[in-house]
């Protein structure tokens, strides 16, 4: 086989998995990341052993729910629970413009010391806790409260602001989803190109797991 034909054949073989993956994404156009709804969240930071595929367990730290959350999203989800520790931490879902309150209780082992949460991109005020290097922290057994306005639609990260090289690596991180509030410009994604979403949903018999009509304040997102 000539060299150029071999290269073309190899490229085709490499592209096939990508094409299959793209087709799979199109078939799940209404999927969304599940999470807990606020705008008030009661979280705990604590240790647990995480099960691995080979049957072993790994000791980790993580954020979790300190009591039952306000609710779960998307609406189509059933039987949802929020454990007291998970990695990544619970995905917190709020709407643009809401005042978000996060109460963090430090249930880490005493030798771990203080812990905290950073919310990059937001102007956060704190109540209680003790002074830390980057943010107010919760001492062992203590609680600190973070408050901010959800001013930026999209998906954001949150993570420990205390001994980040240790606590983030141990599992203290998660995601915050801010849904857009500008309903005046948002469509239901049911016409034009977006109509393929409805076709995929009907074909696969799936529920609509979207969190919102769009990801940002723009109907095409």
C-alpha atoms as a PDB file:
ATOM      1  CA  UNK A   1       0.000   0.000   0.000  1.00  0.00           C
ATOM      2  CA  UNK A   2       1.452   3.421  -0.943  1.00  0.00           C
ATOM      3  CA  UNK A   3       2.534   5.605   1.971  1.00  0.00           C
ATOM      4  CA  UNK A   4      -0.131   8.298   1.347  1.00  0.00           C
ATOM      5  CA  UNK A   5      -2.893   5.669   1.331  1.00  0.00           C
ATOM      6  CA  UNK A   6      -1.562   4.233   4.600  1.00  0.00           C
ATOM      7  CA  UNK A   7      -1.639   7.702   6.198  1.00  0.00           C
ATOM      8  CA  UNK A   8      -5.180   8.347   4.944  1.00  0.00           C
ATOM      9  CA  UNK A   9      -6.312   4.937   6.256  1.00  0.00           C
ATOM     10  CA  UNK A  10      -4.734   5.625   9.635  1.00  0.00           C
ATOM     11  CA  UNK A  11      -6.410   9.049   9.870  1.00  0.00           C
ATOM     12  CA  UNK A  12      -9.779   7.456   9.087  1.00  0.00           C
ATOM     13  CA  UNK A  13      -9.319   4.908  11.862  1.00  0.00           C
ATOM     14  CA  UNK A  14      -8.384   7.669  14.300  1.00  0.00           C
ATOM     15  CA  UNK A  15     -11.393   9.798  13.339  1.00  0.00           C
ATOM     16  CA  UNK A  16     -13.967   7.024  13.760  1.00  0.00           C
ATOM     17  CA  UNK A  17     -13.993   7.112  17.590  1.00  0.00           C
ATOM     18  CA  UNK A  18     -14.324  10.909  17.488  1.00  0.00           C
ATOM     19  CA  UNK A  19     -17.275  10.685  15.096  1.00  0.00           C
ATOM     20  CA  UNK A  20     -18.948   8.110  17.328  1.00  0.00           C
ATOM     21  CA  UNK A  21     -18.408  10.366  20.355  1.00  0.00           C
ATOM     22  CA  UNK A  22     -19.934  13.355  18.558  1.00  0.00           C
ATOM     23  CA  UNK A  23     -22.932  11.259  17.561  1.00  0.00           C
ATOM     24  CA  UNK A  24     -23.354  10.187  21.184  1.00  0.00           C
ATOM     25  CA  UNK A  25     -23.320  13.815  22.325  1.00  0.00           C
ATOM     26  CA  UNK A  26     -26.016  14.688  19.823  1.00  0.00           C
ATOM     27  CA  UNK A  27     -28.155  11.861  21.174  1.00  0.00           C
ATOM     28  CA  UNK A  28     -27.984  13.288  24.700  1.00  0.00           C
ATOM     29  CA  UNK A  29     -28.617  16.931  23.889  1.00  0.00           C
ATOM     30  CA  UNK A  30     -30.803  17.423  26.950  1.00  0.00           C
ATOM     31  CA  UNK A  31     -28.337  16.149  29.556  1.00  0.00           C
ATOM     32  CA  UNK A  32     -27.269  18.394  32.419  1.00  0.00           C
ATOM     33  CA  UNK A  33     -25.169  18.250  35.550  1.00  0.00           C
ATOM     34  CA  UNK A  34     -27.365  17.444  38.571  1.00  0.00           C
ATOM     35  CA  UNK A  35     -26.940  19.435  41.741  1.00  0.00           C
ATOM     36  CA  UNK A  36     -28.506  20.984  44.815  1.00  0.00           C
ATOM     37  CA  UNK A  37     -30.443  24.243  44.761  1.00  0.00           C
ATOM     38  CA  UNK A  38     -30.175  27.229  47.085  1.00  0.00           C
ATOM     39  CA  UNK A  39     -29.657  30.047  47.434  1.00  0.00           C
ATOM     40  CA  UNK A  40     -28.689  28.929  50.974  1.00  0.00           C
ATOM     41  CA  UNK A  41     -26.361  25.948  51.309  1.00  0.00           C
ATOM     42  CA  UNK A  42     -25.258  24.170  54.484  1.00  0.00           C
ATOM     43  CA  UNK A  43     -22.037  22.295  53.779  1.00  0.00           C
ATOM     44  CA  UNK A  44     -19.613  20.268  55.820  1.00  0.00           C
ATOM     45  CA  UNK A  45     -15.988  19.385  55.158  1.00  0.00           C
ATOM     46  CA  UNK A  46     -15.133  15.945  56.453  1.00  0.00           C
ATOM     47  CA  UNK A  47     -13.213  12.726  55.721  1.00  0.00           C
ATOM     48  CA  UNK A  48     -14.435   9.454  54.227  1.00  0.00           C
ATOM     49  CA  UNK A  49     -13.187   6.452  52.294  1.00  0.00           C
ATOM     50  CA  UNK A  50     -14.052   6.497  48.575  1.00  0.00           C
ATOM     51  CA  UNK A  51     -14.699   3.204  46.784  1.00  0.00           C
ATOM     52  CA  UNK A  52     -12.534   2.492  43.738  1.00  0.00           C
ATOM     53  CA  UNK A  53     -13.360   0.337  40.662  1.00  0.00           C
ATOM     54  CA  UNK A  54     -10.928  -2.373  41.795  1.00  0.00           C
ATOM     55  CA  UNK A  55     -12.723  -2.712  45.136  1.00  0.00           C
ATOM     56  CA  UNK A  56     -10.170  -0.794  47.179  1.00  0.00           C
ATOM     57  CA  UNK A  57     -10.864   2.404  49.115  1.00  0.00           C
ATOM     58  CA  UNK A  58      -9.002   5.699  49.248  1.00  0.00           C
ATOM     59  CA  UNK A  59      -9.011   8.027  52.257  1.00  0.00           C
ATOM     60  CA  UNK A  60     -10.118  11.509  51.167  1.00  0.00           C
ATOM     61  CA  UNK A  61     -11.558  14.789  52.360  1.00  0.00           C
ATOM     62  CA  UNK A  62     -14.575  16.335  50.694  1.00  0.00           C
ATOM     63  CA  UNK A  63     -17.473  18.745  50.966  1.00  0.00           C
ATOM     64  CA  UNK A  64     -20.991  17.440  51.533  1.00  0.00           C
ATOM     65  CA  UNK A  65     -24.446  18.446  52.731  1.00  0.00           C
ATOM     66  CA  UNK A  66     -24.922  19.293  56.396  1.00  0.00           C
ATOM     67  CA  UNK A  67     -28.583  18.240  56.477  1.00  0.00           C
ATOM     68  CA  UNK A  68     -31.104  18.043  53.652  1.00  0.00           C
ATOM     69  CA  UNK A  69     -30.601  20.673  50.907  1.00  0.00           C
ATOM     70  CA  UNK A  70     -33.337  23.058  49.767  1.00  0.00           C
ATOM     71  CA  UNK A  71     -33.907  20.959  46.670  1.00  0.00           C
ATOM     72  CA  UNK A  72     -32.393  19.223  43.677  1.00  0.00           C
ATOM     73  CA  UNK A  73     -32.076  20.109  39.993  1.00  0.00           C
ATOM     74  CA  UNK A  74     -32.881  19.366  37.225  1.00  0.00           C
ATOM     75  CA  UNK A  75     -36.580  18.880  37.909  1.00  0.00           C
ATOM     76  CA  UNK A  76     -36.641  15.541  36.059  1.00  0.00           C
ATOM     77  CA  UNK A  77     -34.222  13.937  38.511  1.00  0.00           C
ATOM     78  CA  UNK A  78     -35.709  11.353  40.890  1.00  0.00           C
ATOM     79  CA  UNK A  79     -34.474   9.835  44.133  1.00  0.00           C
ATOM     80  CA  UNK A  80     -31.626  12.328  44.546  1.00  0.00           C
ATOM     81  CA  UNK A  81     -29.594  12.458  47.741  1.00  0.00           C
ATOM     82  CA  UNK A  82     -26.744  14.615  48.993  1.00  0.00           C
ATOM     83  CA  UNK A  83     -24.202  12.750  51.146  1.00  0.00           C
ATOM     84  CA  UNK A  84     -22.228  14.332  53.967  1.00  0.00           C
ATOM     85  CA  UNK A  85     -19.046  13.906  51.933  1.00  0.00           C
ATOM     86  CA  UNK A  86     -18.354  13.513  48.229  1.00  0.00           C
ATOM     87  CA  UNK A  87     -15.589  14.247  45.722  1.00  0.00           C
ATOM     88  CA  UNK A  88     -16.088  16.560  43.905  1.00  0.00           C
ATOM     89  CA  UNK A  89     -18.301  18.418  46.374  1.00  0.00           C
ATOM     90  CA  UNK A  90     -22.003  19.016  45.695  1.00  0.00           C
ATOM     91  CA  UNK A  91     -22.749  21.062  42.585  1.00  0.00           C
ATOM     92  CA  UNK A  92     -24.539  24.172  43.840  1.00  0.00           C
ATOM     93  CA  UNK A  93     -27.145  25.599  41.444  1.00  0.00           C
ATOM     94  CA  UNK A  94     -28.430  29.173  41.754  1.00  0.00           C
ATOM     95  CA  UNK A  95     -29.937  31.852  39.513  1.00  0.00           C
ATOM     96  CA  UNK A  96     -28.198  35.022  38.394  1.00  0.00           C
ATOM     97  CA  UNK A  97     -28.831  37.904  40.778  1.00  0.00           C
ATOM     98  CA  UNK A  98     -29.565  35.746  43.816  1.00  0.00           C
ATOM     99  CA  UNK A  99     -27.786  36.357  47.111  1.00  0.00           C
ATOM    100  CA  UNK A 100     -25.981  33.107  47.854  1.00  0.00           C
ATOM    101  CA  UNK A 101     -25.219  32.039  51.421  1.00  0.00           C
ATOM    102  CA  UNK A 102     -22.892  29.113  52.158  1.00  0.00           C
ATOM    103  CA  UNK A 103     -22.531  27.923  55.763  1.00  0.00           C
ATOM    104  CA  UNK A 104     -19.447  25.716  56.089  1.00  0.00           C
ATOM    105  CA  UNK A 105     -18.846  23.480  59.126  1.00  0.00           C
ATOM    106  CA  UNK A 106     -15.376  22.027  59.642  1.00  0.00           C
ATOM    107  CA  UNK A 107     -15.646  18.334  60.510  1.00  0.00           C
ATOM    108  CA  UNK A 108     -12.157  17.435  59.313  1.00  0.00           C
ATOM    109  CA  UNK A 109      -9.838  15.605  61.727  1.00  0.00           C
ATOM    110  CA  UNK A 110      -8.372  17.901  64.366  1.00  0.00           C
ATOM    111  CA  UNK A 111      -4.775  17.642  62.970  1.00  0.00           C
ATOM    112  CA  UNK A 112      -6.048  18.999  59.621  1.00  0.00           C
ATOM    113  CA  UNK A 113      -6.623  22.375  61.254  1.00  0.00           C
ATOM    114  CA  UNK A 114      -8.802  25.066  59.702  1.00  0.00           C
ATOM    115  CA  UNK A 115     -10.602  24.882  56.373  1.00  0.00           C
ATOM    116  CA  UNK A 116     -12.487  27.269  54.091  1.00  0.00           C
ATOM    117  CA  UNK A 117     -13.999  27.842  50.643  1.00  0.00           C
ATOM    118  CA  UNK A 118     -12.959  30.255  47.905  1.00  0.00           C
ATOM    119  CA  UNK A 119     -15.434  31.421  45.228  1.00  0.00           C
ATOM    120  CA  UNK A 120     -13.233  32.898  42.466  1.00  0.00           C
ATOM    121  CA  UNK A 121     -14.826  35.684  40.455  1.00  0.00           C
ATOM    122  CA  UNK A 122     -17.321  36.760  43.131  1.00  0.00           C
ATOM    123  CA  UNK A 123     -17.182  39.498  45.749  1.00  0.00           C
ATOM    124  CA  UNK A 124     -17.588  37.474  48.950  1.00  0.00           C
ATOM    125  CA  UNK A 125     -18.266  38.704  52.469  1.00  0.00           C
ATOM    126  CA  UNK A 126     -17.818  36.470  55.506  1.00  0.00           C
ATOM    127  CA  UNK A 127     -19.361  36.110  58.931  1.00  0.00           C
ATOM    128  CA  UNK A 128     -17.754  34.251  61.813  1.00  0.00           C
ATOM    129  CA  UNK A 129     -14.776  31.977  61.563  1.00  0.00           C
ATOM    130  CA  UNK A 130     -11.166  32.886  62.146  1.00  0.00           C
ATOM    131  CA  UNK A 131      -8.760  34.941  60.059  1.00  0.00           C
ATOM    132  CA  UNK A 132      -6.904  32.960  57.414  1.00  0.00           C
ATOM    133  CA  UNK A 133      -4.277  33.763  54.817  1.00  0.00           C
ATOM    134  CA  UNK A 134      -6.751  34.152  51.917  1.00  0.00           C
ATOM    135  CA  UNK A 135     -10.206  34.078  53.482  1.00  0.00           C
ATOM    136  CA  UNK A 136     -12.011  33.618  56.807  1.00  0.00           C
ATOM    137  CA  UNK A 137     -11.726  29.991  57.883  1.00  0.00           C
ATOM    138  CA  UNK A 138     -13.700  27.516  59.963  1.00  0.00           C
ATOM    139  CA  UNK A 139     -11.716  26.171  62.907  1.00  0.00           C
ATOM    140  CA  UNK A 140     -12.077  22.456  63.803  1.00  0.00           C
ATOM    141  CA  UNK A 141     -15.688  21.946  64.823  1.00  0.00           C
ATOM    142  CA  UNK A 142     -16.512  25.558  63.917  1.00  0.00           C
ATOM    143  CA  UNK A 143     -18.574  27.250  61.215  1.00  0.00           C
ATOM    144  CA  UNK A 144     -18.015  30.168  58.835  1.00  0.00           C
ATOM    145  CA  UNK A 145     -20.555  31.826  56.523  1.00  0.00           C
ATOM    146  CA  UNK A 146     -19.827  33.126  53.016  1.00  0.00           C
ATOM    147  CA  UNK A 147     -22.239  35.469  51.204  1.00  0.00           C
ATOM    148  CA  UNK A 148     -22.082  36.803  47.636  1.00  0.00           C
ATOM    149  CA  UNK A 149     -24.263  37.818  44.702  1.00  0.00           C
ATOM    150  CA  UNK A 150     -24.428  35.333  41.831  1.00  0.00           C
ATOM    151  CA  UNK A 151     -23.512  37.985  39.270  1.00  0.00           C
ATOM    152  CA  UNK A 152     -21.996  35.863  36.491  1.00  0.00           C
ATOM    153  CA  UNK A 153     -23.991  33.181  34.624  1.00  0.00           C
ATOM    154  CA  UNK A 154     -22.081  30.020  33.785  1.00  0.00           C
ATOM    155  CA  UNK A 155     -20.193  27.262  35.570  1.00  0.00           C
ATOM    156  CA  UNK A 156     -17.700  28.271  38.246  1.00  0.00           C
ATOM    157  CA  UNK A 157     -15.406  26.413  40.609  1.00  0.00           C
ATOM    158  CA  UNK A 158     -15.163  26.519  44.379  1.00  0.00           C
ATOM    159  CA  UNK A 159     -12.380  25.047  46.498  1.00  0.00           C
ATOM    160  CA  UNK A 160     -10.527  25.295  49.766  1.00  0.00           C
ATOM    161  CA  UNK A 161      -8.581  28.478  50.419  1.00  0.00           C
ATOM    162  CA  UNK A 162      -6.632  26.873  53.257  1.00  0.00           C
ATOM    163  CA  UNK A 163      -3.443  24.890  52.577  1.00  0.00           C
ATOM    164  CA  UNK A 164      -4.568  24.514  48.977  1.00  0.00           C
ATOM    165  CA  UNK A 165      -1.665  22.245  48.065  1.00  0.00           C
ATOM    166  CA  UNK A 166      -3.008  19.756  50.614  1.00  0.00           C
ATOM    167  CA  UNK A 167      -6.739  20.308  51.004  1.00  0.00           C
ATOM    168  CA  UNK A 168      -7.614  20.665  47.319  1.00  0.00           C
ATOM    169  CA  UNK A 169      -5.537  17.585  46.500  1.00  0.00           C
ATOM    170  CA  UNK A 170      -7.386  15.692  49.234  1.00  0.00           C
ATOM    171  CA  UNK A 171     -10.719  16.472  47.537  1.00  0.00           C
ATOM    172  CA  UNK A 172     -12.011  19.827  48.785  1.00  0.00           C
ATOM    173  CA  UNK A 173     -13.352  21.284  45.530  1.00  0.00           C
ATOM    174  CA  UNK A 174     -16.600  21.471  43.571  1.00  0.00           C
ATOM    175  CA  UNK A 175     -18.695  23.440  41.059  1.00  0.00           C
ATOM    176  CA  UNK A 176     -21.179  26.307  41.212  1.00  0.00           C
ATOM    177  CA  UNK A 177     -23.660  26.759  38.357  1.00  0.00           C
ATOM    178  CA  UNK A 178     -25.259  30.196  37.930  1.00  0.00           C
ATOM    179  CA  UNK A 179     -28.303  30.007  35.653  1.00  0.00           C
ATOM    180  CA  UNK A 180     -29.091  33.102  33.539  1.00  0.00           C
ATOM    181  CA  UNK A 181     -32.025  35.254  34.626  1.00  0.00           C
ATOM    182  CA  UNK A 182     -32.543  37.248  31.431  1.00  0.00           C
ATOM    183  CA  UNK A 183     -35.563  35.263  30.301  1.00  0.00           C
ATOM    184  CA  UNK A 184     -36.476  37.964  27.799  1.00  0.00           C
ATOM    185  CA  UNK A 185     -33.764  36.817  25.387  1.00  0.00           C
ATOM    186  CA  UNK A 186     -33.846  33.113  26.112  1.00  0.00           C
ATOM    187  CA  UNK A 187     -35.653  30.657  23.876  1.00  0.00           C
ATOM    188  CA  UNK A 188     -36.907  27.184  24.697  1.00  0.00           C
ATOM    189  CA  UNK A 189     -34.504  25.704  22.131  1.00  0.00           C
ATOM    190  CA  UNK A 190     -37.489  24.295  20.243  1.00  0.00           C
ATOM    191  CA  UNK A 191     -37.168  25.929  16.822  1.00  0.00           C
ATOM    192  CA  UNK A 192     -34.668  26.093  14.005  1.00  0.00           C
ATOM    193  CA  UNK A 193     -31.421  24.273  14.658  1.00  0.00           C
ATOM    194  CA  UNK A 194     -32.426  23.733  18.276  1.00  0.00           C
ATOM    195  CA  UNK A 195     -35.390  21.594  17.196  1.00  0.00           C
ATOM    196  CA  UNK A 196     -32.946  18.682  16.881  1.00  0.00           C
ATOM    197  CA  UNK A 197     -32.942  18.604  20.693  1.00  0.00           C
ATOM    198  CA  UNK A 198     -36.614  17.647  20.684  1.00  0.00           C
ATOM    199  CA  UNK A 199     -36.043  15.072  17.953  1.00  0.00           C
ATOM    200  CA  UNK A 200     -33.254  13.432  19.947  1.00  0.00           C
ATOM    201  CA  UNK A 201     -35.383  13.468  23.083  1.00  0.00           C
ATOM    202  CA  UNK A 202     -38.299  11.792  21.284  1.00  0.00           C
ATOM    203  CA  UNK A 203     -36.063   9.224  19.596  1.00  0.00           C
ATOM    204  CA  UNK A 204     -34.336   8.108  22.790  1.00  0.00           C
ATOM    205  CA  UNK A 205     -37.344   8.510  25.064  1.00  0.00           C
ATOM    206  CA  UNK A 206     -35.374  10.645  27.485  1.00  0.00           C
ATOM    207  CA  UNK A 207     -36.567  13.268  29.935  1.00  0.00           C
ATOM    208  CA  UNK A 208     -35.594  16.915  29.622  1.00  0.00           C
ATOM    209  CA  UNK A 209     -32.729  17.291  32.085  1.00  0.00           C
ATOM    210  CA  UNK A 210     -31.757  20.813  31.060  1.00  0.00           C
ATOM    211  CA  UNK A 211     -31.252  23.237  33.918  1.00  0.00           C
ATOM    212  CA  UNK A 212     -32.256  26.262  31.799  1.00  0.00           C
ATOM    213  CA  UNK A 213     -33.102  27.276  28.248  1.00  0.00           C
ATOM    214  CA  UNK A 214     -29.548  28.606  27.847  1.00  0.00           C
ATOM    215  CA  UNK A 215     -26.241  28.632  29.684  1.00  0.00           C
ATOM    216  CA  UNK A 216     -25.703  32.393  29.510  1.00  0.00           C
ATOM    217  CA  UNK A 217     -27.776  35.488  28.735  1.00  0.00           C
ATOM    218  CA  UNK A 218     -27.872  34.555  25.060  1.00  0.00           C
ATOM    219  CA  UNK A 219     -30.415  32.267  23.329  1.00  0.00           C
ATOM    220  CA  UNK A 220     -27.765  30.391  21.314  1.00  0.00           C
ATOM    221  CA  UNK A 221     -25.778  29.091  24.309  1.00  0.00           C
END
